[in-house]
Amino acid sequence: MNLITISGPPSSGKTAVIIKTAETLRKRGIRVGAVKFDCLHTDDDIAYEKAGIPVKKGLSGSLCPDHYFVSNIEAVVDWGVAEKFDLLVSESAGLCNRCSPYIKEIKAICVIDNLSGINTPKKIGPMLRMADIVVITKGDIVSQAEREVFAAGVHAVNPTAIVMHINGLTGQGAFELSTLLYDEKKQVDTLKGKKLRFSMPSALCSYCLGETRIGESYQMGNVRKMNIKNDTSHE
């Protein structure tokens, strides 16, 4: 089985891109499964089911969805292997624009949209910088100049990635993406021993453990403070 990890900011069009791409893969006889990781709520599993794609859904609740991903992805891969999928797609929203877990030797795709602002690529961390493929959506809503400026911003942050424009509504560009996903030579049976491309955010503080009160006396653990007194950024 091939495994693909797809991430991106919320509402960037990840699910639509996956469904349109899966349609072209299935026409080639490739059996596709999906798993959706999210925080509090998602109906994307219903969209996958309507498209005829077997799906599993995981909601992290109070936990970071990407830490939740790492804790559960091995079991998900076991499910995919048992179901005899040719390709399993893992979708996760990089809600903090920082981590989004990519795995070494596993193809990683970042989906972002043209409507998020020209400076957005600079604001996204390893989720964009460490992706193998960057898919830009909603390009039909902006001008050609805006598309080119946004794509240039993506290239500046991640000069080695393949950058593609895909329309999640019409599926334009999905076939081109599908040709880059499935590789018979890169089969995965287990993720044991593999490593993340980048470390997760480090946080274990009183608020992680359920504290709601504000004040230094309630703050313990890994806490970082702003240097207000010596801050010269407003001078």
Protein backbone atom coordinates (compact mmCIF):
# COMPACT_ATOMS: atom_id res chain seq x y z
CA MET A 1 0.00 0.00 0.00
CA ASN A 2 1.08 3.55 -0.75
CA LEU A 3 0.58 6.16 2.00
CA ILE A 4 0.13 9.89 1.30
CA THR A 5 -0.13 12.62 3.95
CA ILE A 6 -2.07 15.74 3.02
CA SER A 7 -2.34 18.82 5.20
CA GLY A 8 -3.24 22.46 4.99
CA PRO A 9 -5.12 25.26 6.75
CA PRO A 10 -8.83 24.70 7.46
CA SER A 11 -11.20 25.20 4.50
CA SER A 12 -8.37 25.32 1.97
CA GLY A 13 -10.03 22.61 -0.12
CA LYS A 14 -8.13 19.49 0.92
CA THR A 15 -11.08 17.11 0.87
CA ALA A 16 -12.33 18.35 -2.50
CA VAL A 17 -8.87 17.91 -4.02
CA ILE A 18 -8.56 14.40 -2.58
CA ILE A 19 -11.98 13.31 -3.86
CA LYS A 20 -11.37 14.65 -7.38
CA THR A 21 -7.92 13.05 -7.48
CA ALA A 22 -9.28 9.74 -6.17
CA GLU A 23 -11.80 9.68 -9.03
CA THR A 24 -9.00 9.69 -11.59
CA LEU A 25 -7.04 7.06 -9.65
CA ARG A 26 -10.00 4.72 -9.44
CA LYS A 27 -10.42 4.91 -13.22
CA ARG A 28 -6.95 3.36 -13.40
CA GLY A 29 -8.02 0.52 -11.09
CA ILE A 30 -6.29 1.91 -7.98
CA ARG A 31 -8.28 1.31 -4.78
CA VAL A 32 -8.19 4.38 -2.54
CA GLY A 33 -8.99 4.74 1.17
CA ALA A 34 -8.95 7.83 3.34
CA VAL A 35 -8.62 8.88 6.95
CA LYS A 36 -9.65 12.29 8.24
CA PHE A 37 -8.05 13.82 11.34
CA ASP A 38 -9.67 16.90 12.82
CA CYS A 39 -10.32 18.67 16.08
CA LEU A 40 -13.95 19.06 17.19
CA HIS A 41 -16.18 18.28 14.23
CA THR A 42 -16.04 17.27 10.59
CA ASP A 43 -18.52 16.16 7.95
CA ASP A 44 -15.79 15.31 5.47
CA ASP A 45 -16.22 11.62 6.18
CA ILE A 46 -19.74 11.91 4.75
CA ALA A 47 -18.31 13.52 1.60
CA TYR A 48 -15.84 10.63 1.24
CA GLU A 49 -18.60 8.06 1.69
CA LYS A 50 -20.78 9.75 -0.94
CA ALA A 51 -17.82 9.57 -3.31
CA GLY A 52 -17.49 5.84 -2.62
CA ILE A 53 -14.21 6.15 -0.73
CA PRO A 54 -13.83 4.00 2.44
CA VAL A 55 -12.99 6.37 5.30
CA LYS A 56 -12.13 6.50 8.99
CA LYS A 57 -12.56 9.66 11.08
CA GLY A 58 -10.59 10.72 14.15
CA LEU A 59 -11.41 13.75 16.32
CA SER A 60 -8.70 14.86 18.74
CA GLY A 61 -10.97 16.85 21.04
CA SER A 62 -8.84 18.76 23.53
CA LEU A 63 -5.59 17.36 22.14
CA CYS A 64 -3.48 18.86 19.35
CA PRO A 65 -4.78 17.14 16.18
CA ASP A 66 -1.28 16.52 14.90
CA HIS A 67 -0.12 14.88 18.14
CA TYR A 68 -3.31 12.83 17.87
CA PHE A 69 -2.30 11.94 14.31
CA VAL A 70 1.09 10.59 15.37
CA SER A 71 -0.50 8.51 18.12
CA ASN A 72 -2.97 6.89 15.74
CA ILE A 73 -1.42 6.77 12.26
CA GLU A 74 0.17 3.34 12.79
CA ALA A 75 -3.22 1.78 13.58
CA VAL A 76 -4.69 3.55 10.54
CA VAL A 77 -1.99 2.06 8.29
CA ASP A 78 -2.78 -1.39 9.72
CA TRP A 79 -6.44 -0.79 8.79
CA GLY A 80 -5.47 0.24 5.27
CA VAL A 81 -3.29 -2.82 4.76
CA ALA A 82 -6.05 -5.09 6.09
CA GLU A 83 -8.52 -3.50 3.67
CA LYS A 84 -6.02 -4.07 0.84
CA PHE A 85 -6.02 -0.47 -0.39
CA ASP A 86 -3.55 0.43 -3.10
CA LEU A 87 -3.38 3.99 -1.76
CA LEU A 88 -4.30 5.39 1.65
CA VAL A 89 -4.67 9.16 2.01
CA SER A 90 -4.28 10.77 5.43
CA GLU A 91 -5.83 14.24 5.69
CA SER A 92 -4.99 16.52 8.61
CA ALA A 93 -5.62 20.22 9.15
CA GLY A 94 -2.53 22.12 10.29
CA LEU A 95 -4.55 24.31 12.61
CA CYS A 96 -1.61 26.25 14.04
CA ASN A 97 0.17 26.48 10.65
CA ARG A 98 3.24 25.11 12.37
CA CYS A 99 3.63 21.37 12.58
CA SER A 100 1.39 19.12 10.48
CA PRO A 101 3.17 15.80 10.71
CA TYR A 102 5.00 14.70 7.61
CA ILE A 103 6.89 11.43 7.72
CA LYS A 104 10.27 10.76 6.16
CA GLU A 105 10.04 8.65 2.98
CA ILE A 106 6.24 9.20 2.86
CA LYS A 107 4.99 11.63 0.20
CA ALA A 108 3.72 14.87 1.73
CA ILE A 109 1.30 17.35 0.16
CA CYS A 110 0.31 20.79 1.44
CA VAL A 111 -2.93 22.39 0.20
CA ILE A 112 -3.34 26.15 0.51
CA ASP A 113 -5.72 28.56 -1.19
CA ASN A 114 -5.20 31.74 -3.14
CA LEU A 115 -7.71 33.64 -1.01
CA SER A 116 -5.64 33.39 2.18
CA GLY A 117 -3.44 36.40 1.33
CA ILE A 118 -0.13 36.88 -0.44
CA ASN A 119 1.84 36.75 2.83
CA THR A 120 0.32 33.45 3.94
CA PRO A 121 3.22 31.26 2.69
CA LYS A 122 5.56 33.14 5.03
CA LYS A 123 3.26 32.43 7.97
CA ILE A 124 3.15 28.67 7.45
CA GLY A 125 5.98 26.64 8.92
CA PRO A 126 7.10 23.05 8.21
CA MET A 127 3.63 22.23 6.92
CA LEU A 128 4.57 24.15 3.76
CA ARG A 129 8.37 24.19 3.90
CA MET A 130 8.73 20.40 4.10
CA ALA A 131 6.05 19.37 1.61
CA ASP A 132 6.97 17.48 -1.56
CA ILE A 133 4.00 18.91 -3.46
CA VAL A 134 2.13 22.16 -2.84
CA VAL A 135 -1.39 22.37 -4.24
CA ILE A 136 -2.89 25.85 -4.63
CA THR A 137 -6.68 26.00 -4.79
CA LYS A 138 -9.33 28.65 -5.56
CA GLY A 139 -7.17 30.21 -8.26
CA ASP A 140 -10.25 30.71 -10.42
CA ILE A 141 -11.47 33.44 -8.08
CA VAL A 142 -8.38 35.67 -8.31
CA SER A 143 -6.55 37.25 -11.23
CA GLN A 144 -3.64 35.70 -13.10
CA ALA A 145 -1.29 38.23 -11.53
CA GLU A 146 -2.44 37.29 -8.04
CA ARG A 147 -1.96 33.60 -8.83
CA GLU A 148 1.60 34.22 -9.99
CA VAL A 149 2.48 36.38 -6.99
CA PHE A 150 1.09 33.77 -4.59
CA ALA A 151 2.92 30.94 -6.36
CA ALA A 152 6.15 32.96 -6.19
CA GLY A 153 5.65 33.28 -2.45
CA VAL A 154 5.30 29.52 -2.19
CA HIS A 155 8.49 28.98 -4.23
CA ALA A 156 10.36 31.38 -1.94
CA VAL A 157 9.41 29.34 1.12
CA ASN A 158 9.79 25.90 -0.47
CA PRO A 159 11.92 26.09 -3.64
CA THR A 160 12.13 22.30 -4.09
CA ALA A 161 8.42 21.43 -4.03
CA ILE A 162 6.27 20.79 -7.09
CA VAL A 163 3.65 23.57 -7.16
CA MET A 164 0.30 22.82 -8.82
CA HIS A 165 -3.00 24.65 -9.27
CA ILE A 166 -6.12 22.53 -8.82
CA ASN A 167 -9.79 23.46 -8.92
CA GLY A 168 -11.55 21.42 -6.24
CA LEU A 169 -14.99 22.05 -7.76
CA THR A 170 -14.32 21.09 -11.37
CA GLY A 171 -11.36 18.78 -10.78
CA GLN A 172 -9.14 20.67 -13.22
CA GLY A 173 -5.54 19.66 -12.47
CA ALA A 174 -6.51 16.59 -10.41
CA PHE A 175 -5.36 14.13 -13.09
CA GLU A 176 -1.90 15.70 -13.13
CA LEU A 177 -1.70 15.31 -9.34
CA SER A 178 -2.86 11.69 -9.51
CA THR A 179 0.08 10.78 -11.74
CA LEU A 180 2.45 11.85 -8.94
CA LEU A 181 0.83 9.93 -6.10
CA TYR A 182 0.83 6.21 -6.74
CA ASP A 183 4.19 4.44 -6.98
CA GLU A 184 4.31 0.64 -6.94
CA LYS A 185 7.91 0.76 -5.72
CA LYS A 186 7.05 2.65 -2.50
CA GLN A 187 4.87 0.19 -0.67
CA VAL A 188 4.29 0.59 3.09
CA ASP A 189 3.43 -2.27 5.45
CA THR A 190 4.14 -0.50 8.73
CA LEU A 191 5.39 2.85 10.04
CA LYS A 192 7.39 1.34 12.90
CA GLY A 193 10.87 2.82 12.96
CA LYS A 194 10.06 5.71 10.63
CA LYS A 195 10.59 9.30 11.76
CA LEU A 196 8.78 12.60 11.43
CA ARG A 197 10.35 15.17 9.11
CA PHE A 198 10.15 17.80 11.85
CA SER A 199 9.64 17.74 15.60
CA MET A 200 6.25 18.52 17.10
CA PRO A 201 5.63 21.75 19.05
CA SER A 202 6.96 21.33 22.57
CA ALA A 203 4.35 22.20 25.18
CA LEU A 204 3.56 20.67 28.53
CA CYS A 205 2.23 23.40 30.77
CA SER A 206 -0.56 23.84 33.30
CA TYR A 207 -2.96 24.90 30.52
CA CYS A 208 -2.23 21.68 28.63
CA LEU A 209 -3.40 19.82 31.72
CA GLY A 210 -6.70 21.69 32.02
CA GLU A 211 -5.88 24.90 33.91
CA THR A 212 -8.18 27.82 32.99
CA ARG A 213 -7.12 30.53 35.45
CA ILE A 214 -4.89 33.37 34.22
CA GLY A 215 -1.85 34.54 36.16
CA GLU A 216 1.79 33.60 36.71
CA SER A 217 0.98 31.73 39.90
CA TYR A 218 -1.07 29.28 37.82
CA GLN A 219 1.53 28.81 35.09
CA MET A 220 3.87 25.82 35.30
CA GLY A 221 5.89 23.74 32.90
CA ASN A 222 7.04 24.80 29.43
CA VAL A 223 6.09 28.50 29.39
CA ARG A 224 7.60 31.19 27.16
CA LYS A 225 7.31 34.91 27.99
CA MET A 226 7.54 37.93 25.70
CA ASN A 227 10.41 40.35 26.36
CA ILE A 228 8.21 43.41 26.78
CA LYS A 229 10.67 45.73 28.57
CA ASN A 230 13.43 45.42 25.98
CA ASP A 231 11.15 45.23 22.95
CA THR A 232 12.26 47.92 20.49
CA SER A 233 10.03 46.86 17.60
CA HIS A 234 7.71 49.86 18.12
CA GLU A 235 10.41 52.51 18.38
